[in-house]
Amino acid sequence: MQDCTAQGGIVIEDKSRLSRINSRTVKDDASFAIASLKKDQVALIQNVDPTEADRLIAEIAKGFALLESLELQAGMASLAGHRDNVGDYFMTVDKRKDYKIVTPHSEGSHLLGMQMAAFYCLENTTDGGETILMNVDQNSEMWGILRDKVVKGVTKRSLSRSEKSQLRMRYRLNMPEDSLTSDDEILKATTIDSNITLYDVLASPKKLHSNILNQDLHTLWYTTESIDYDSLEQFKNLLLESGLLKQSAGISEFKMFDSDPGLRIGHFGSRYDQLFKCKISYKLQPNDLVIQNNLTWTHGVANWTPSSGHRRIIAAFA
């Protein structure tokens, strides 16, 4: 696995971690992507039409025993209602208001356990909107500092299989694995019935096994990153250093650039130069397909001037 490190408080740009091919010139681009991910590279396949993108992502997911997860996530997009399905496996990304950014995170949570992320570009004519991918450092001391906002539970009796399934579906709770512990910081308690109490808590991040790299890994889930004001400040500094931040005279505080500010609840000490090995900044072009390990690479997006064009990106997760 190739390595690179942050230097002098800055997360270095390393385009060597981006494996790039043209779909028109190779015979087996799925095998190329699988090989790239096994080296913890990000795969970029260019000149892919939308129908071929669907076929490719299914073949890549199958190569890592993630096809069932890919199908499940595509189905959940329509059920949840906040995203629209595009083709068989892709879905629209969350809509953003003017000048909003997306801070770097891995999609989902430890419970959802999505291991692969893919992004396909339909259009990107804005004066910004660069995708910023960041490779997490598994040995960082940050993992002992950061907290994951999750749901834990306490039960007064053993639960039936049906009750466990309902808790998982309705509350994203996996019992008894997600039982409350003495190390959890309780934010809120909710009594479901006389036997079950749920708790919103801040917990230490847990590792998850990667099908792609065949090892247990730390991941900067959305449920970890989105609660941290320090991460927002760090991303602001990164965008300023890179010359990627589009300013607005009507925005006086940087927190107003945040795409979902209501989730941030505290300062948990994120330092990008310690949390990430390196980054890849890339502006997606029409018919680009990017595939990455969702456990080891986060994705974020710079903002753009609202009147400068249109950005249409679709995503798939497995």
C-alpha atoms as a PDB file:
ATOM      1  CA  MET A   1       0.000   0.000   0.000  1.00  0.00           C
ATOM      2  CA  GLN A   2       1.485   3.343  -1.040  1.00  0.00           C
ATOM      3  CA  ASP A   3       1.972   5.889   1.718  1.00  0.00           C
ATOM      4  CA  CYS A   4       2.177   9.646   1.954  1.00  0.00           C
ATOM      5  CA  THR A   5       2.056  11.945   4.979  1.00  0.00           C
ATOM      6  CA  ALA A   6       0.877  15.411   5.853  1.00  0.00           C
ATOM      7  CA  GLN A   7       3.723  17.873   6.285  1.00  0.00           C
ATOM      8  CA  GLY A   8       4.001  21.142   8.193  1.00  0.00           C
ATOM      9  CA  GLY A   9       0.316  21.265   9.149  1.00  0.00           C
ATOM     10  CA  ILE A  10      -0.810  20.907   5.528  1.00  0.00           C
ATOM     11  CA  VAL A  11      -2.359  17.814   3.950  1.00  0.00           C
ATOM     12  CA  ILE A  12      -0.276  17.281   0.831  1.00  0.00           C
ATOM     13  CA  GLU A  13      -1.756  16.791  -2.629  1.00  0.00           C
ATOM     14  CA  ASP A  14      -0.796  13.431  -4.121  1.00  0.00           C
ATOM     15  CA  LYS A  15      -2.221  12.776  -7.596  1.00  0.00           C
ATOM     16  CA  SER A  16      -0.191   9.538  -7.745  1.00  0.00           C
ATOM     17  CA  ARG A  17      -2.956   7.968  -5.619  1.00  0.00           C
ATOM     18  CA  LEU A  18      -5.417   8.550  -8.488  1.00  0.00           C
ATOM     19  CA  SER A  19      -5.311   5.671 -10.993  1.00  0.00           C
ATOM     20  CA  ARG A  20      -6.720   6.936 -14.287  1.00  0.00           C
ATOM     21  CA  ILE A  21      -7.747   5.184 -17.497  1.00  0.00           C
ATOM     22  CA  ASN A  22      -9.863   5.956 -20.564  1.00  0.00           C
ATOM     23  CA  SER A  23     -12.745   3.512 -20.918  1.00  0.00           C
ATOM     24  CA  ARG A  24     -12.459   3.654 -24.718  1.00  0.00           C
ATOM     25  CA  THR A  25      -8.911   2.312 -24.722  1.00  0.00           C
ATOM     26  CA  VAL A  26      -9.094  -0.630 -22.275  1.00  0.00           C
ATOM     27  CA  LYS A  27     -10.837  -3.971 -22.494  1.00  0.00           C
ATOM     28  CA  ASP A  28     -11.519  -4.598 -18.801  1.00  0.00           C
ATOM     29  CA  ASP A  29     -11.950  -1.390 -16.824  1.00  0.00           C
ATOM     30  CA  ALA A  30     -13.700  -3.236 -13.956  1.00  0.00           C
ATOM     31  CA  SER A  31     -10.569  -5.307 -13.316  1.00  0.00           C
ATOM     32  CA  PHE A  32      -8.528  -2.094 -13.445  1.00  0.00           C
ATOM     33  CA  ALA A  33     -10.726  -0.520 -10.756  1.00  0.00           C
ATOM     34  CA  ILE A  34     -10.630  -3.632  -8.561  1.00  0.00           C
ATOM     35  CA  ALA A  35      -6.827  -3.770  -8.761  1.00  0.00           C
ATOM     36  CA  SER A  36      -6.583  -0.053  -7.944  1.00  0.00           C
ATOM     37  CA  LEU A  37      -8.814  -0.339  -4.878  1.00  0.00           C
ATOM     38  CA  LYS A  38      -6.813  -3.310  -3.606  1.00  0.00           C
ATOM     39  CA  LYS A  39      -3.805  -0.945  -3.527  1.00  0.00           C
ATOM     40  CA  ASP A  40      -5.920   1.676  -1.751  1.00  0.00           C
ATOM     41  CA  GLN A  41      -5.838   3.863  -4.830  1.00  0.00           C
ATOM     42  CA  VAL A  42      -8.793   5.889  -6.125  1.00  0.00           C
ATOM     43  CA  ALA A  43      -9.885   4.698  -9.574  1.00  0.00           C
ATOM     44  CA  LEU A  44     -10.917   7.230 -12.219  1.00  0.00           C
ATOM     45  CA  ILE A  45     -12.444   5.834 -15.408  1.00  0.00           C
ATOM     46  CA  GLN A  46     -13.085   8.474 -18.067  1.00  0.00           C
ATOM     47  CA  ASN A  47     -15.463   8.499 -21.056  1.00  0.00           C
ATOM     48  CA  VAL A  48     -18.005   6.154 -19.473  1.00  0.00           C
ATOM     49  CA  ASP A  49     -21.616   6.490 -20.590  1.00  0.00           C
ATOM     50  CA  PRO A  50     -24.343   6.265 -17.887  1.00  0.00           C
ATOM     51  CA  THR A  51     -25.487   2.756 -18.836  1.00  0.00           C
ATOM     52  CA  GLU A  52     -21.918   1.486 -18.767  1.00  0.00           C
ATOM     53  CA  ALA A  53     -21.387   3.145 -15.361  1.00  0.00           C
ATOM     54  CA  ASP A  54     -24.230   1.036 -13.954  1.00  0.00           C
ATOM     55  CA  ARG A  55     -22.726  -2.153 -15.375  1.00  0.00           C
ATOM     56  CA  LEU A  56     -19.255  -1.272 -14.143  1.00  0.00           C
ATOM     57  CA  ILE A  57     -20.207  -0.451 -10.570  1.00  0.00           C
ATOM     58  CA  ALA A  58     -22.145  -3.721 -10.298  1.00  0.00           C
ATOM     59  CA  GLU A  59     -19.185  -5.717 -11.615  1.00  0.00           C
ATOM     60  CA  ILE A  60     -16.748  -3.986  -9.248  1.00  0.00           C
ATOM     61  CA  ALA A  61     -19.069  -4.506  -6.282  1.00  0.00           C
ATOM     62  CA  LYS A  62     -19.423  -8.180  -7.186  1.00  0.00           C
ATOM     63  CA  GLY A  63     -15.631  -8.478  -7.180  1.00  0.00           C
ATOM     64  CA  PHE A  64     -15.604  -7.534  -3.494  1.00  0.00           C
ATOM     65  CA  ALA A  65     -18.763  -9.476  -2.490  1.00  0.00           C
ATOM     66  CA  LEU A  66     -20.627  -6.153  -2.162  1.00  0.00           C
ATOM     67  CA  LEU A  67     -23.295  -6.568  -4.861  1.00  0.00           C
ATOM     68  CA  GLU A  68     -26.072  -7.235  -2.340  1.00  0.00           C
ATOM     69  CA  SER A  69     -25.066  -4.095  -0.440  1.00  0.00           C
ATOM     70  CA  LEU A  70     -25.072  -2.072  -3.682  1.00  0.00           C
ATOM     71  CA  GLU A  71     -28.605  -3.237  -4.466  1.00  0.00           C
ATOM     72  CA  LEU A  72     -29.737  -2.530  -0.900  1.00  0.00           C
ATOM     73  CA  GLN A  73     -28.407   1.043  -0.890  1.00  0.00           C
ATOM     74  CA  ALA A  74     -29.998   1.772  -4.255  1.00  0.00           C
ATOM     75  CA  GLY A  75     -33.323   0.513  -2.924  1.00  0.00           C
ATOM     76  CA  MET A  76     -33.048   2.529   0.289  1.00  0.00           C
ATOM     77  CA  ALA A  77     -32.518   5.765  -1.668  1.00  0.00           C
ATOM     78  CA  SER A  78     -36.028   5.660  -3.085  1.00  0.00           C
ATOM     79  CA  LEU A  79     -37.580   4.495   0.186  1.00  0.00           C
ATOM     80  CA  ALA A  80     -35.985   7.296   2.207  1.00  0.00           C
ATOM     81  CA  GLY A  81     -37.283   9.845  -0.282  1.00  0.00           C
ATOM     82  CA  HIS A  82     -34.426  12.364   0.023  1.00  0.00           C
ATOM     83  CA  ARG A  83     -32.689  11.142  -3.145  1.00  0.00           C
ATOM     84  CA  ASP A  84     -33.869  10.040  -6.579  1.00  0.00           C
ATOM     85  CA  ASN A  85     -32.699   6.853  -8.280  1.00  0.00           C
ATOM     86  CA  VAL A  86     -30.817   7.254 -11.540  1.00  0.00           C
ATOM     87  CA  GLY A  87     -30.424   4.018 -13.480  1.00  0.00           C
ATOM     88  CA  ASP A  88     -30.079   0.763 -11.571  1.00  0.00           C
ATOM     89  CA  TYR A  89     -27.613   1.686  -8.821  1.00  0.00           C
ATOM     90  CA  PHE A  90     -26.898   5.415  -8.853  1.00  0.00           C
ATOM     91  CA  MET A  91     -28.797   8.143  -7.037  1.00  0.00           C
ATOM     92  CA  THR A  92     -28.834  11.927  -6.904  1.00  0.00           C
ATOM     93  CA  VAL A  93     -26.683  13.614  -4.267  1.00  0.00           C
ATOM     94  CA  ASP A  94     -28.134  15.895  -1.616  1.00  0.00           C
ATOM     95  CA  LYS A  95     -29.162  19.309  -2.909  1.00  0.00           C
ATOM     96  CA  ARG A  96     -27.257  22.316  -1.615  1.00  0.00           C
ATOM     97  CA  LYS A  97     -28.056  25.980  -1.270  1.00  0.00           C
ATOM     98  CA  ASP A  98     -25.840  28.713  -2.686  1.00  0.00           C
ATOM     99  CA  TYR A  99     -22.165  28.669  -1.645  1.00  0.00           C
ATOM    100  CA  LYS A 100     -22.541  25.547   0.507  1.00  0.00           C
ATOM    101  CA  ILE A 101     -19.623  23.127   0.931  1.00  0.00           C
ATOM    102  CA  VAL A 102     -19.506  19.438   1.864  1.00  0.00           C
ATOM    103  CA  THR A 103     -16.877  18.661   4.490  1.00  0.00           C
ATOM    104  CA  PRO A 104     -14.829  15.437   3.999  1.00  0.00           C
ATOM    105  CA  HIS A 105     -16.513  12.323   5.356  1.00  0.00           C
ATOM    106  CA  SER A 106     -17.100   8.672   4.558  1.00  0.00           C
ATOM    107  CA  GLU A 107     -20.682   7.994   3.563  1.00  0.00           C
ATOM    108  CA  GLY A 108     -23.010   6.617   6.213  1.00  0.00           C
ATOM    109  CA  SER A 109     -22.247   5.165   9.607  1.00  0.00           C
ATOM    110  CA  HIS A 110     -20.608   2.161  11.261  1.00  0.00           C
ATOM    111  CA  LEU A 111     -23.975   0.405  11.369  1.00  0.00           C
ATOM    112  CA  LEU A 112     -24.679   0.914   7.652  1.00  0.00           C
ATOM    113  CA  GLY A 113     -21.094  -0.162   6.926  1.00  0.00           C
ATOM    114  CA  MET A 114     -20.896   1.018   3.318  1.00  0.00           C
ATOM    115  CA  GLN A 115     -17.495  -0.041   2.000  1.00  0.00           C
ATOM    116  CA  MET A 116     -17.372   1.413  -1.501  1.00  0.00           C
ATOM    117  CA  ALA A 117     -18.367   4.791  -2.933  1.00  0.00           C
ATOM    118  CA  ALA A 118     -18.652   5.848  -6.573  1.00  0.00           C
ATOM    119  CA  PHE A 119     -19.373   9.216  -8.178  1.00  0.00           C
ATOM    120  CA  TYR A 120     -20.403   9.815 -11.777  1.00  0.00           C
ATOM    121  CA  CYS A 121     -20.449  13.219 -13.458  1.00  0.00           C
ATOM    122  CA  LEU A 122     -23.283  14.210 -15.777  1.00  0.00           C
ATOM    123  CA  GLU A 123     -22.395  17.916 -15.899  1.00  0.00           C
ATOM    124  CA  ASN A 124     -20.004  20.288 -14.123  1.00  0.00           C
ATOM    125  CA  THR A 125     -19.792  23.741 -15.698  1.00  0.00           C
ATOM    126  CA  THR A 126     -19.405  25.708 -12.447  1.00  0.00           C
ATOM    127  CA  ASP A 127     -16.397  27.839 -11.528  1.00  0.00           C
ATOM    128  CA  GLY A 128     -15.664  25.469  -8.624  1.00  0.00           C
ATOM    129  CA  GLY A 129     -17.231  22.323  -7.206  1.00  0.00           C
ATOM    130  CA  GLU A 130     -13.952  20.411  -6.989  1.00  0.00           C
ATOM    131  CA  THR A 131     -14.191  16.987  -5.378  1.00  0.00           C
ATOM    132  CA  ILE A 132     -11.659  16.575  -2.567  1.00  0.00           C
ATOM    133  CA  LEU A 133     -10.762  13.024  -1.551  1.00  0.00           C
ATOM    134  CA  MET A 134      -8.704  12.480   1.602  1.00  0.00           C
ATOM    135  CA  ASN A 135      -6.943   9.291   2.707  1.00  0.00           C
ATOM    136  CA  VAL A 136      -7.290   8.633   6.449  1.00  0.00           C
ATOM    137  CA  ASP A 137      -4.292   7.654   8.573  1.00  0.00           C
ATOM    138  CA  GLN A 138      -5.069   4.411  10.390  1.00  0.00           C
ATOM    139  CA  ASN A 139      -2.362   5.100  12.977  1.00  0.00           C
ATOM    140  CA  SER A 140      -3.452   8.628  13.845  1.00  0.00           C
ATOM    141  CA  GLU A 141      -3.868   9.598  17.492  1.00  0.00           C
ATOM    142  CA  MET A 142      -7.070  11.339  16.403  1.00  0.00           C
ATOM    143  CA  TRP A 143      -8.993   8.063  16.725  1.00  0.00           C
ATOM    144  CA  GLY A 144      -8.601   8.277  20.497  1.00  0.00           C
ATOM    145  CA  ILE A 145     -10.008  11.823  20.521  1.00  0.00           C
ATOM    146  CA  LEU A 146     -12.838  11.803  17.986  1.00  0.00           C
ATOM    147  CA  ARG A 147     -16.347  10.705  18.889  1.00  0.00           C
ATOM    148  CA  ASP A 148     -19.057   8.983  16.887  1.00  0.00           C
ATOM    149  CA  LYS A 149     -22.693  10.033  17.470  1.00  0.00           C
ATOM    150  CA  VAL A 150     -24.628   6.778  17.588  1.00  0.00           C
ATOM    151  CA  VAL A 151     -27.664   5.147  19.166  1.00  0.00           C
ATOM    152  CA  LYS A 152     -27.142   2.679  22.012  1.00  0.00           C
ATOM    153  CA  GLY A 153     -29.720   0.667  23.920  1.00  0.00           C
ATOM    154  CA  VAL A 154     -30.546  -0.889  27.269  1.00  0.00           C
ATOM    155  CA  THR A 155     -33.003  -3.792  27.554  1.00  0.00           C
ATOM    156  CA  LYS A 156     -34.509  -5.391  30.632  1.00  0.00           C
ATOM    157  CA  ARG A 157     -34.902  -8.794  28.984  1.00  0.00           C
ATOM    158  CA  SER A 158     -33.654 -10.788  26.013  1.00  0.00           C
ATOM    159  CA  LEU A 159     -35.136  -9.612  22.711  1.00  0.00           C
ATOM    160  CA  SER A 160     -36.736 -11.793  20.065  1.00  0.00           C
ATOM    161  CA  ARG A 161     -35.339 -11.900  16.542  1.00  0.00           C
ATOM    162  CA  SER A 162     -38.303  -9.839  15.345  1.00  0.00           C
ATOM    163  CA  GLU A 163     -37.697  -7.156  17.984  1.00  0.00           C
ATOM    164  CA  LYS A 164     -34.020  -6.942  17.045  1.00  0.00           C
ATOM    165  CA  SER A 165     -34.928  -6.524  13.374  1.00  0.00           C
ATOM    166  CA  GLN A 166     -37.382  -3.735  14.191  1.00  0.00           C
ATOM    167  CA  LEU A 167     -34.776  -1.886  16.249  1.00  0.00           C
ATOM    168  CA  ARG A 168     -32.283  -2.149  13.418  1.00  0.00           C
ATOM    169  CA  MET A 169     -34.770  -0.939  10.801  1.00  0.00           C
ATOM    170  CA  ARG A 170     -36.356   1.897  12.787  1.00  0.00           C
ATOM    171  CA  TYR A 171     -33.498   3.119  14.976  1.00  0.00           C
ATOM    172  CA  ARG A 172     -30.332   1.809  13.321  1.00  0.00           C
ATOM    173  CA  LEU A 173     -29.617  -0.140  16.476  1.00  0.00           C
ATOM    174  CA  ASN A 174     -27.961  -3.558  16.411  1.00  0.00           C
ATOM    175  CA  MET A 175     -28.598  -5.317  19.719  1.00  0.00           C
ATOM    176  CA  PRO A 176     -26.939  -6.636  21.840  1.00  0.00           C
ATOM    177  CA  GLU A 177     -23.757  -5.336  20.134  1.00  0.00           C
ATOM    178  CA  ASP A 178     -24.922  -1.729  20.555  1.00  0.00           C
ATOM    179  CA  SER A 179     -25.667  -1.930  24.258  1.00  0.00           C
ATOM    180  CA  LEU A 180     -24.827   1.144  26.334  1.00  0.00           C
ATOM    181  CA  THR A 181     -21.401   1.063  28.018  1.00  0.00           C
ATOM    182  CA  SER A 182     -19.859   3.077  30.851  1.00  0.00           C
ATOM    183  CA  ASP A 183     -17.597   4.895  28.367  1.00  0.00           C
ATOM    184  CA  ASP A 184     -20.501   6.361  26.377  1.00  0.00           C
ATOM    185  CA  GLU A 185     -21.439  10.021  26.895  1.00  0.00           C
ATOM    186  CA  ILE A 186     -25.239  10.181  26.986  1.00  0.00           C
ATOM    187  CA  LEU A 187     -26.874  13.037  25.068  1.00  0.00           C
ATOM    188  CA  LYS A 188     -30.511  11.955  25.171  1.00  0.00           C
ATOM    189  CA  ALA A 189     -32.631   9.059  26.462  1.00  0.00           C
ATOM    190  CA  THR A 190     -35.851   7.788  24.864  1.00  0.00           C
ATOM    191  CA  THR A 191     -38.032   5.068  26.384  1.00  0.00           C
ATOM    192  CA  ILE A 192     -39.540   2.830  23.692  1.00  0.00           C
ATOM    193  CA  ASP A 193     -41.527   0.616  26.034  1.00  0.00           C
ATOM    194  CA  SER A 194     -41.182  -0.844  29.508  1.00  0.00           C
ATOM    195  CA  ASN A 195     -38.325  -3.083  28.312  1.00  0.00           C
ATOM    196  CA  ILE A 196     -36.270  -0.924  25.936  1.00  0.00           C
ATOM    197  CA  THR A 197     -34.579   2.470  26.370  1.00  0.00           C
ATOM    198  CA  LEU A 198     -32.600   4.119  23.586  1.00  0.00           C
ATOM    199  CA  TYR A 199     -29.765   6.571  24.096  1.00  0.00           C
ATOM    200  CA  ASP A 200     -28.164   9.067  21.729  1.00  0.00           C
ATOM    201  CA  VAL A 201     -24.525   8.925  22.783  1.00  0.00           C
ATOM    202  CA  LEU A 202     -21.014   9.991  21.874  1.00  0.00           C
ATOM    203  CA  ALA A 203     -18.887   6.849  21.623  1.00  0.00           C
ATOM    204  CA  SER A 204     -15.324   6.034  20.658  1.00  0.00           C
ATOM    205  CA  PRO A 205     -15.054   5.171  16.928  1.00  0.00           C
ATOM    206  CA  LYS A 206     -14.985   1.430  16.187  1.00  0.00           C
ATOM    207  CA  LYS A 207     -13.122  -0.338  13.426  1.00  0.00           C
ATOM    208  CA  LEU A 208     -14.917  -2.179  10.634  1.00  0.00           C
ATOM    209  CA  HIS A 209     -13.593  -5.027   8.508  1.00  0.00           C
ATOM    210  CA  SER A 210     -12.866  -4.057   4.894  1.00  0.00           C
ATOM    211  CA  ASN A 211     -13.747  -6.523   2.135  1.00  0.00           C
ATOM    212  CA  ILE A 212     -11.492  -4.524  -0.178  1.00  0.00           C
ATOM    213  CA  LEU A 213      -8.306  -4.540   1.913  1.00  0.00           C
ATOM    214  CA  ASN A 214      -9.143  -7.540   4.140  1.00  0.00           C
ATOM    215  CA  GLN A 215      -8.328  -5.772   7.411  1.00  0.00           C
ATOM    216  CA  ASP A 216     -10.083  -3.899  10.208  1.00  0.00           C
ATOM    217  CA  LEU A 217     -10.062  -0.152   9.600  1.00  0.00           C
ATOM    218  CA  HIS A 218     -10.881   3.157  11.247  1.00  0.00           C
ATOM    219  CA  THR A 219     -13.319   5.267   9.219  1.00  0.00           C
ATOM    220  CA  LEU A 220     -14.317   8.932   9.431  1.00  0.00           C
ATOM    221  CA  TRP A 221     -18.044   8.287   9.147  1.00  0.00           C
ATOM    222  CA  TYR A 222     -20.527  11.094   8.550  1.00  0.00           C
ATOM    223  CA  THR A 223     -21.772  10.452  12.099  1.00  0.00           C
ATOM    224  CA  THR A 224     -18.280  11.373  13.370  1.00  0.00           C
ATOM    225  CA  GLU A 225     -17.318  14.242  11.076  1.00  0.00           C
ATOM    226  CA  SER A 226     -20.652  16.075  10.928  1.00  0.00           C
ATOM    227  CA  ILE A 227     -20.785  16.764  14.699  1.00  0.00           C
ATOM    228  CA  ASP A 228     -17.363  18.430  14.918  1.00  0.00           C
ATOM    229  CA  TYR A 229     -16.946  22.217  14.580  1.00  0.00           C
ATOM    230  CA  ASP A 230     -13.176  21.724  14.382  1.00  0.00           C
ATOM    231  CA  SER A 231     -13.534  19.718  11.174  1.00  0.00           C
ATOM    232  CA  LEU A 232     -15.424  22.626   9.600  1.00  0.00           C
ATOM    233  CA  GLU A 233     -12.625  25.025  10.565  1.00  0.00           C
ATOM    234  CA  GLN A 234      -9.981  22.665   9.211  1.00  0.00           C
ATOM    235  CA  PHE A 235     -11.773  22.353   5.874  1.00  0.00           C
ATOM    236  CA  LYS A 236     -12.041  26.123   5.627  1.00  0.00           C
ATOM    237  CA  ASN A 237      -8.263  26.389   6.057  1.00  0.00           C
ATOM    238  CA  LEU A 238      -7.690  23.681   3.453  1.00  0.00           C
ATOM    239  CA  LEU A 239      -9.919  25.420   0.896  1.00  0.00           C
ATOM    240  CA  LEU A 240      -8.263  28.776   1.536  1.00  0.00           C
ATOM    241  CA  GLU A 241      -4.764  27.287   1.223  1.00  0.00           C
ATOM    242  CA  SER A 242      -5.790  25.613  -2.044  1.00  0.00           C
ATOM    243  CA  GLY A 243      -7.511  28.696  -3.464  1.00  0.00           C
ATOM    244  CA  LEU A 244     -10.764  26.754  -3.836  1.00  0.00           C
ATOM    245  CA  LEU A 245     -13.140  28.686  -1.561  1.00  0.00           C
ATOM    246  CA  LYS A 246     -15.712  30.874  -3.323  1.00  0.00           C
ATOM    247  CA  GLN A 247     -16.560  33.797  -1.066  1.00  0.00           C
ATOM    248  CA  SER A 248     -19.828  35.701  -0.772  1.00  0.00           C
ATOM    249  CA  ALA A 249     -20.302  39.197   0.587  1.00  0.00           C
ATOM    250  CA  GLY A 250     -23.548  38.015   2.155  1.00  0.00           C
ATOM    251  CA  ILE A 251     -21.860  35.326   4.292  1.00  0.00           C
ATOM    252  CA  SER A 252     -20.145  36.813   7.334  1.00  0.00           C
ATOM    253  CA  GLU A 253     -19.267  33.585   9.188  1.00  0.00           C
ATOM    254  CA  PHE A 254     -17.786  30.433   7.703  1.00  0.00           C
ATOM    255  CA  LYS A 255     -20.302  28.206   9.499  1.00  0.00           C
ATOM    256  CA  MET A 256     -22.877  29.630   7.075  1.00  0.00           C
ATOM    257  CA  PHE A 257     -21.045  27.760   4.286  1.00  0.00           C
ATOM    258  CA  ASP A 258     -21.781  24.432   6.028  1.00  0.00           C
ATOM    259  CA  SER A 259     -24.238  22.199   4.168  1.00  0.00           C
ATOM    260  CA  ASP A 260     -25.772  20.826   7.398  1.00  0.00           C
ATOM    261  CA  PRO A 261     -24.800  23.092  10.318  1.00  0.00           C
ATOM    262  CA  GLY A 262     -27.492  21.811  12.661  1.00  0.00           C
ATOM    263  CA  LEU A 263     -25.604  18.552  13.271  1.00  0.00           C
ATOM    264  CA  ARG A 264     -22.445  20.081  14.788  1.00  0.00           C
ATOM    265  CA  ILE A 265     -22.554  19.921  18.566  1.00  0.00           C
ATOM    266  CA  GLY A 266     -19.001  20.417  19.857  1.00  0.00           C
ATOM    267  CA  HIS A 267     -15.266  20.751  19.353  1.00  0.00           C
ATOM    268  CA  PHE A 268     -13.634  17.316  19.162  1.00  0.00           C
ATOM    269  CA  GLY A 269     -10.145  18.365  18.139  1.00  0.00           C
ATOM    270  CA  SER A 270      -9.982  17.330  14.467  1.00  0.00           C
ATOM    271  CA  ARG A 271      -6.615  18.124  12.900  1.00  0.00           C
ATOM    272  CA  TYR A 272      -6.413  17.279   9.231  1.00  0.00           C
ATOM    273  CA  ASP A 273      -2.601  17.150   9.199  1.00  0.00           C
ATOM    274  CA  GLN A 274      -2.794  14.321  11.766  1.00  0.00           C
ATOM    275  CA  LEU A 275      -5.962  12.605  10.552  1.00  0.00           C
ATOM    276  CA  PHE A 276      -5.168  12.375   6.824  1.00  0.00           C
ATOM    277  CA  LYS A 277      -2.146  11.100   4.916  1.00  0.00           C
ATOM    278  CA  CYS A 278      -2.840  13.058   1.731  1.00  0.00           C
ATOM    279  CA  LYS A 279      -5.560  14.404  -0.533  1.00  0.00           C
ATOM    280  CA  ILE A 280      -6.650  14.364  -4.158  1.00  0.00           C
ATOM    281  CA  SER A 281      -8.369  17.465  -5.534  1.00  0.00           C
ATOM    282  CA  TYR A 282     -10.126  16.862  -8.827  1.00  0.00           C
ATOM    283  CA  LYS A 283     -12.924  18.574 -10.722  1.00  0.00           C
ATOM    284  CA  LEU A 284     -15.140  15.864 -12.167  1.00  0.00           C
ATOM    285  CA  GLN A 285     -15.785  16.114 -15.900  1.00  0.00           C
ATOM    286  CA  PRO A 286     -18.785  14.737 -17.828  1.00  0.00           C
ATOM    287  CA  ASN A 287     -18.660  10.923 -18.125  1.00  0.00           C
ATOM    288  CA  ASP A 288     -16.045  10.595 -15.351  1.00  0.00           C
ATOM    289  CA  LEU A 289     -16.575   7.666 -12.961  1.00  0.00           C
ATOM    290  CA  VAL A 290     -14.648   7.713  -9.673  1.00  0.00           C
ATOM    291  CA  ILE A 291     -14.576   4.655  -7.393  1.00  0.00           C
ATOM    292  CA  GLN A 292     -13.007   4.573  -3.929  1.00  0.00           C
ATOM    293  CA  ASN A 293     -12.818   2.605  -0.713  1.00  0.00           C
ATOM    294  CA  ASN A 294     -15.410   4.311   1.489  1.00  0.00           C
ATOM    295  CA  LEU A 295     -13.606   3.147   4.637  1.00  0.00           C
ATOM    296  CA  THR A 296     -10.204   4.661   3.829  1.00  0.00           C
ATOM    297  CA  TRP A 297     -11.089   7.667   1.654  1.00  0.00           C
ATOM    298  CA  THR A 298     -13.410  10.510   2.566  1.00  0.00           C
ATOM    299  CA  HIS A 299     -15.121  12.734   0.003  1.00  0.00           C
ATOM    300  CA  GLY A 300     -15.824  16.452   0.253  1.00  0.00           C
ATOM    301  CA  VAL A 301     -16.762  19.185  -2.194  1.00  0.00           C
ATOM    302  CA  ALA A 302     -15.674  22.797  -2.603  1.00  0.00           C
ATOM    303  CA  ASN A 303     -18.335  25.401  -3.346  1.00  0.00           C
ATOM    304  CA  TRP A 304     -18.960  27.500  -6.451  1.00  0.00           C
ATOM    305  CA  THR A 305     -20.489  30.797  -7.512  1.00  0.00           C
ATOM    306  CA  PRO A 306     -24.232  30.129  -7.955  1.00  0.00           C
ATOM    307  CA  SER A 307     -24.542  31.788 -11.373  1.00  0.00           C
ATOM    308  CA  SER A 308     -21.430  30.152 -12.848  1.00  0.00           C
ATOM    309  CA  GLY A 309     -22.973  26.961 -14.213  1.00  0.00           C
ATOM    310  CA  HIS A 310     -24.481  23.613 -13.235  1.00  0.00           C
ATOM    311  CA  ARG A 311     -23.083  20.657 -11.282  1.00  0.00           C
ATOM    312  CA  ARG A 312     -24.895  17.326 -11.645  1.00  0.00           C
ATOM    313  CA  ILE A 313     -23.240  14.393  -9.885  1.00  0.00           C
ATOM    314  CA  ILE A 314     -24.803  11.036  -9.072  1.00  0.00           C
ATOM    315  CA  ALA A 315     -23.492   8.520  -6.536  1.00  0.00           C
ATOM    316  CA  ALA A 316     -23.597   4.812  -5.734  1.00  0.00           C
ATOM    317  CA  PHE A 317     -22.662   3.086  -2.470  1.00  0.00           C
ATOM    318  CA  ALA A 318     -22.119  -0.521  -1.442  1.00  0.00           C
END
